[in-house]
Protein backbone atom coordinates (compact mmCIF):
# COMPACT_ATOMS: atom_id res chain seq x y z
CA MET A 1 -16.49 -9.45 10.36
CA HIS A 2 -15.55 -8.46 13.88
CA ARG A 3 -13.53 -5.27 14.06
CA SER A 4 -10.54 -6.99 15.68
CA ARG A 5 -10.14 -9.26 12.66
CA VAL A 6 -10.07 -6.29 10.31
CA VAL A 7 -7.42 -4.56 12.41
CA THR A 8 -5.39 -7.79 12.53
CA VAL A 9 -5.40 -7.99 8.72
CA TRP A 10 -4.13 -4.43 8.46
CA GLN A 11 -1.45 -5.01 11.08
CA ALA A 12 -0.28 -8.11 9.24
CA LEU A 13 0.11 -6.10 6.07
CA GLY A 14 2.22 -3.56 7.95
CA THR A 15 0.59 -0.58 6.27
CA ALA A 16 1.50 2.77 7.79
CA ILE A 17 -1.74 4.65 7.19
CA ALA A 18 -1.68 7.53 9.62
CA ILE A 19 -5.22 7.36 10.95
CA THR A 20 -5.38 7.86 14.68
CA THR A 21 -7.55 4.93 15.77
CA GLY A 22 -8.39 1.45 14.53
CA ALA A 23 -12.04 2.40 14.59
CA ALA A 24 -11.45 5.27 12.18
CA LEU A 25 -9.54 2.96 9.86
CA VAL A 26 -12.25 0.33 9.88
CA THR A 27 -14.99 2.90 9.33
CA SER A 28 -13.12 4.48 6.42
CA ALA A 29 -12.54 1.13 4.74
CA ALA A 30 -16.10 -0.03 5.35
CA LEU A 31 -17.84 3.03 4.00
CA ALA A 32 -15.33 3.62 1.20
CA LEU A 33 -16.11 7.32 1.35
CA PRO A 34 -13.92 9.69 -0.66
CA ALA A 35 -12.45 12.05 1.88
CA ALA A 36 -12.80 15.28 0.00
CA ALA A 37 -16.11 14.57 -1.69
CA GLY A 38 -17.83 17.93 -1.92
CA THR A 39 -15.89 19.42 0.97
CA SER A 40 -12.63 20.74 -0.39
CA ALA A 41 -10.53 20.89 -3.52
CA PRO A 42 -7.26 18.96 -3.82
CA ALA A 43 -4.31 20.76 -2.30
CA PRO A 44 -1.87 22.42 -4.67
CA ARG A 45 1.44 20.66 -5.37
CA THR A 46 3.30 22.95 -2.99
CA ALA A 47 1.02 22.16 -0.04
CA LEU A 48 2.04 19.26 2.18
CA PRO A 49 -0.65 17.83 4.46
CA ALA A 50 0.13 17.80 8.18
CA ALA A 51 -2.03 14.73 8.74
CA ALA A 52 -3.58 11.93 6.74
CA GLN A 53 -5.78 12.94 3.83
CA ALA A 54 -7.95 10.63 1.74
CA PHE A 55 -8.90 11.09 -1.91
CA SER A 56 -11.37 9.44 -4.23
CA THR A 57 -9.04 9.51 -7.26
CA TRP A 58 -5.37 8.86 -7.93
CA PRO A 59 -4.83 12.27 -9.63
CA GLN A 60 -6.09 14.05 -6.51
CA ALA A 61 -3.74 11.99 -4.35
CA GLU A 62 -0.81 12.72 -6.66
CA THR A 63 -1.44 16.46 -6.43
CA ALA A 64 -1.53 16.32 -2.63
CA ALA A 65 1.54 14.07 -2.40
CA GLY A 66 3.64 16.35 -4.60
CA PHE A 67 5.48 13.59 -6.48
CA PRO A 68 4.58 11.30 -9.42
CA LEU A 69 2.53 8.26 -8.48
CA ARG A 70 1.79 4.96 -10.19
CA ARG A 71 -1.58 3.23 -10.00
CA PRO A 72 -2.34 -0.47 -10.56
CA THR A 73 -3.87 -1.56 -13.85
CA ARG A 74 -4.02 -5.34 -13.25
CA LEU A 75 -6.22 -5.91 -10.21
CA HIS A 76 -6.80 -9.69 -10.43
CA GLY A 77 -10.46 -9.31 -9.54
CA LEU A 78 -9.86 -7.06 -6.55
CA HIS A 79 -11.45 -3.65 -6.13
CA ARG A 80 -10.01 -0.69 -4.28
CA SER A 81 -11.38 -0.51 -0.75
CA GLY A 82 -11.96 3.09 0.21
CA SER A 83 -9.78 6.01 -0.69
CA VAL A 84 -6.19 6.66 -1.73
CA ASN A 85 -4.51 7.95 1.44
CA VAL A 86 -1.75 10.55 1.60
CA ASN A 87 0.12 10.48 4.90
CA ARG A 88 3.19 12.00 6.45
CA CYS A 89 6.22 9.71 6.40
CA GLU A 90 6.69 8.72 10.02
CA MET A 91 10.35 7.75 9.80
CA PRO A 92 12.69 10.01 11.82
CA GLY A 93 13.89 12.99 9.80
CA GLN A 94 11.44 12.30 6.96
CA HIS A 95 8.27 14.01 8.19
CA SER A 96 8.29 16.41 5.24
CA LYS A 97 7.95 13.44 2.86
CA ARG A 98 4.69 11.76 1.91
CA TYR A 99 3.55 8.14 1.98
CA VAL A 100 0.64 7.22 -0.31
CA THR A 101 -1.31 4.00 0.28
CA ALA A 102 -4.26 2.14 -1.19
CA ILE A 103 -5.78 -1.24 -0.41
CA TYR A 104 -7.29 -3.67 -2.92
CA GLY A 105 -9.65 -6.29 -1.56
CA ASP A 106 -12.23 -6.29 1.22
CA PRO A 107 -10.86 -5.99 4.78
CA PHE A 108 -14.22 -7.13 6.15
CA ALA A 109 -14.31 -10.29 4.04
CA GLY A 110 -10.66 -11.02 4.70
CA PRO A 111 -7.94 -12.20 2.30
CA PRO A 112 -6.94 -12.03 -0.46
CA ILE A 113 -5.77 -8.44 -0.04
CA ILE A 114 -3.08 -6.43 -1.81
CA THR A 115 -1.83 -3.05 -0.61
CA LEU A 116 0.26 -0.53 -2.50
CA GLY A 117 2.49 2.05 -0.84
CA GLU A 118 4.59 4.75 -2.49
CA ASN A 119 6.78 7.37 -0.84
CA ASN A 120 9.36 9.99 -1.80
CA SER A 121 11.68 9.61 1.22
CA GLY A 122 14.16 7.25 -0.45
CA ALA A 123 13.46 4.42 2.04
CA PRO A 124 10.39 2.57 3.34
CA CYS A 125 8.18 4.80 5.51
CA GLY A 126 6.46 1.92 7.28
CA SER A 127 7.54 -1.33 8.83
CA LEU A 128 8.35 -4.18 6.50
CA VAL A 129 6.77 -7.58 6.86
CA HIS A 130 8.91 -9.55 9.31
CA ALA A 131 9.53 -12.38 6.87
CA PRO A 132 12.50 -14.12 5.27
CA PHE A 133 14.06 -12.74 2.12
CA LEU A 134 13.02 -14.97 -0.80
CA ARG A 135 14.73 -13.64 -3.92
CA HIS A 136 15.42 -10.69 -6.20
CA VAL A 137 13.02 -9.92 -9.05
CA ARG A 138 12.93 -7.29 -11.79
CA ILE A 139 10.19 -4.63 -11.60
CA HIS A 140 10.17 -1.68 -14.01
CA ARG A 141 13.84 -2.32 -14.86
CA GLU A 142 14.80 -2.14 -11.18
CA THR A 143 15.86 -4.88 -8.78
CA ALA A 144 13.19 -5.53 -6.16
CA ARG A 145 13.45 -7.60 -2.99
CA LEU A 146 10.75 -10.20 -2.36
CA TYR A 147 10.01 -11.29 1.21
CA GLY A 148 7.63 -14.03 2.27
CA ASP A 149 6.09 -15.65 5.32
CA CYS A 150 4.23 -18.69 4.10
CA GLY A 151 3.65 -20.70 7.24
CA ALA A 152 5.47 -23.59 8.85
CA GLY A 153 6.98 -26.19 6.60
CA SER A 154 6.39 -24.35 3.34
CA GLY A 155 10.05 -23.56 2.65
CA LEU A 156 11.17 -20.67 0.50
CA GLY A 157 10.07 -22.32 -2.72
CA GLY A 158 6.63 -23.19 -1.36
CA CYS A 159 5.46 -19.62 -0.84
CA ARG A 160 3.13 -19.58 -3.83
CA SER A 161 -0.44 -19.70 -2.60
CA ASN A 162 -0.81 -18.43 0.97
CA GLY A 163 0.85 -16.36 3.62
CA GLN A 164 2.21 -12.84 3.46
CA LEU A 165 4.40 -11.50 0.68
CA GLU A 166 6.08 -8.14 0.32
CA LEU A 167 7.91 -6.63 -2.64
CA VAL A 168 10.06 -3.50 -2.22
CA TRP A 169 11.95 -1.51 -4.84
CA LYS A 170 13.09 2.01 -5.64
CA ARG A 171 12.86 3.89 -8.94
CA HIS A 172 13.71 7.55 -9.62
CA GLY A 173 13.65 8.40 -5.91
CA THR A 174 10.28 6.77 -5.20
CA VAL A 175 10.09 3.69 -2.99
CA TYR A 176 7.35 1.19 -3.82
CA GLU A 177 5.98 -1.43 -1.44
CA VAL A 178 3.43 -4.00 -2.59
CA LYS A 179 2.14 -6.37 0.08
CA SER A 180 -0.29 -9.25 -0.12
CA ILE A 181 -2.10 -11.79 2.01
CA SER A 182 -3.18 -15.10 0.48
CA GLU A 183 -2.10 -14.29 -3.07
CA PRO A 184 0.46 -16.37 -4.98
CA GLN A 185 3.78 -14.85 -6.01
CA HIS A 186 2.82 -14.53 -9.68
CA VAL A 187 -0.22 -12.39 -8.78
CA LEU A 188 1.83 -10.05 -6.60
CA LEU A 189 4.50 -9.72 -9.28
CA ASN A 190 1.95 -9.13 -12.04
CA PHE A 191 0.22 -6.47 -9.92
CA ALA A 192 3.56 -4.69 -9.37
CA ARG A 193 4.73 -4.94 -12.97
CA HIS A 194 1.55 -3.30 -14.25
CA LEU A 195 1.71 -0.11 -12.23
CA ARG A 196 1.31 2.84 -14.59
CA HIS A 197 1.84 6.59 -14.19
CA VAL A 198 -1.25 8.39 -12.92
CA LEU A 199 -0.97 11.46 -15.17
């Protein structure tokens, strides 16, 4: 796939992975290389990275992030593309907080794709999908907001097979964002409801 299409997919998802150029992002996703493979040990819990760091495992990412993470256990046939990324929260006044992201699916092949973001700032660290609010749903005993952009003429109830969906909720100080392209609502909700603690 041409690089511009890959970047477009990522922009549509609204992920806030703090990698400086689109080329670096595409290369990282394509090669799926663990960032710290054989080069350095995971940072201790007290160390906060100044820039984006990538890890081959969820436990390594949790150690670097410094707060408890959840990982997906129902992948609906998708595989993680590349590493688990730990980034600085880019929202004003929240640069000491961390935003952890992972993508499931193949950016080169295109949709379906699901991304997971978690941060400890108390609010979303990245931009939300610019889509209408659809409804409230229950995720891990919390009320989540579901947004959807399903294309012209689909209506709110028709957003079940295509388009962009985003689910946002907060639990115990952690904000979760699960975004999808070309996945039905029930897949997105099942993915979110089967997040489990890393450690």
